[in-house]
Amino acid sequence: MIGPGASVFAAEHQVVIEKYAFAPVELRIKRGDTVTWLNNEKRVSHSVLMLGRNEESERFFPGEKWSRTFPDAGRYEYRCGPHPEMLGVVIVDE
């Protein structure tokens, strides 16, 4: 059974990490969608640290990726754990 407002067709989105930056910096998705962060750096590991949510991915190395599904609407600001100058946001609409 699908709850009210839930999408029947969840989508997958990608954020590329390259040159110490997330691209896109701002990503707007629907509730239930999944975001995958792909590390395209040559030698550096990164993580995804959700600000104010006490949640951080493991560090992932060049060529590796990490995914998270967003079941709830809201604004999810994040940064790279080891590189706090790297910022991004996922905006989850109903």
Protein backbone atom coordinates (compact mmCIF):
# COMPACT_ATOMS: atom_id res chain seq x y z
CA MET A 1 0.00 0.00 0.00
CA ILE A 2 1.34 3.43 -0.87
CA GLY A 3 0.81 6.22 1.64
CA PRO A 4 -0.85 9.53 0.77
CA GLY A 5 1.36 11.76 -1.33
CA ALA A 6 3.91 9.01 -2.05
CA SER A 7 5.08 8.65 -5.61
CA VAL A 8 4.27 5.41 -7.38
CA PHE A 9 7.35 5.83 -9.55
CA ALA A 10 10.39 6.80 -7.49
CA ALA A 11 13.20 8.33 -9.52
CA GLU A 12 16.94 8.15 -9.18
CA HIS A 13 19.15 11.24 -9.34
CA GLN A 14 22.91 11.72 -9.42
CA VAL A 15 25.24 14.26 -7.86
CA VAL A 16 28.77 14.24 -9.25
CA ILE A 17 31.71 15.14 -7.04
CA GLU A 18 34.54 16.71 -9.02
CA LYS A 19 37.12 19.43 -8.35
CA TYR A 20 36.05 19.60 -4.68
CA ALA A 21 32.44 20.50 -5.57
CA PHE A 22 29.01 18.86 -5.76
CA ALA A 23 27.19 19.18 -9.10
CA PRO A 24 24.44 20.12 -9.05
CA VAL A 25 24.80 22.14 -5.85
CA GLU A 26 21.01 22.23 -5.46
CA LEU A 27 18.86 19.26 -6.43
CA ARG A 28 15.05 19.26 -6.28
CA ILE A 29 13.42 15.83 -6.12
CA LYS A 30 10.14 14.15 -5.14
CA ARG A 31 9.48 12.30 -1.92
CA GLY A 32 10.65 8.67 -2.22
CA ASP A 33 13.37 9.44 -4.79
CA THR A 34 16.96 8.28 -4.38
CA VAL A 35 20.09 10.39 -4.80
CA THR A 36 23.45 8.83 -5.63
CA TRP A 37 26.66 10.77 -5.08
CA LEU A 38 29.47 9.68 -7.42
CA ASN A 39 33.09 10.50 -6.63
CA ASN A 40 34.78 11.53 -9.89
CA GLU A 41 37.94 12.86 -8.22
CA LYS A 42 41.33 11.44 -9.18
CA ARG A 43 42.80 10.83 -5.69
CA VAL A 44 40.53 12.22 -2.95
CA SER A 45 37.88 10.55 -0.78
CA HIS A 46 34.70 12.36 0.27
CA SER A 47 31.63 11.80 2.41
CA VAL A 48 28.11 13.21 2.59
CA LEU A 49 27.32 14.74 5.99
CA MET A 50 23.66 15.72 6.46
CA LEU A 51 23.68 18.93 8.48
CA GLY A 52 21.56 18.88 11.63
CA ARG A 53 20.62 15.22 11.14
CA ASN A 54 23.53 13.33 12.74
CA GLU A 55 23.99 11.28 9.57
CA GLU A 56 27.15 10.82 7.51
CA SER A 57 28.08 8.36 4.80
CA GLU A 58 31.26 6.37 4.93
CA ARG A 59 34.10 8.00 3.03
CA PHE A 60 34.03 6.92 -0.58
CA PHE A 61 36.97 6.98 -2.94
CA PRO A 62 37.39 7.83 -6.64
CA GLY A 63 35.00 5.76 -8.75
CA GLU A 64 32.86 4.84 -5.73
CA LYS A 65 29.36 6.05 -4.93
CA TRP A 66 26.89 6.37 -2.06
CA SER A 67 23.09 6.51 -2.24
CA ARG A 68 20.30 7.72 0.03
CA THR A 69 16.52 7.57 -0.39
CA PHE A 70 14.50 10.58 0.81
CA PRO A 71 11.11 9.38 2.14
CA ASP A 72 10.18 12.72 3.74
CA ALA A 73 9.65 16.16 2.25
CA GLY A 74 12.01 18.89 3.40
CA ARG A 75 15.29 20.67 2.87
CA TYR A 76 18.41 18.53 3.37
CA GLU A 77 21.55 20.63 3.52
CA TYR A 78 24.80 18.70 3.42
CA ARG A 79 28.53 19.08 3.17
CA CYS A 80 31.55 16.87 2.68
CA GLY A 81 32.76 15.58 6.06
CA PRO A 82 36.50 16.04 5.43
CA HIS A 83 36.04 19.14 3.22
CA PRO A 84 33.53 21.49 4.95
CA GLU A 85 33.78 24.08 2.17
CA MET A 86 31.94 21.64 -0.15
CA LEU A 87 28.22 22.37 0.28
CA GLY A 88 25.02 21.12 -1.31
CA VAL A 89 21.29 20.80 -0.72
CA VAL A 90 18.57 18.33 -1.66
CA ILE A 91 15.05 19.80 -1.65
CA VAL A 92 12.38 17.13 -1.39
CA ASP A 93 8.91 18.17 -2.57
CA GLU A 94 5.68 16.34 -1.71
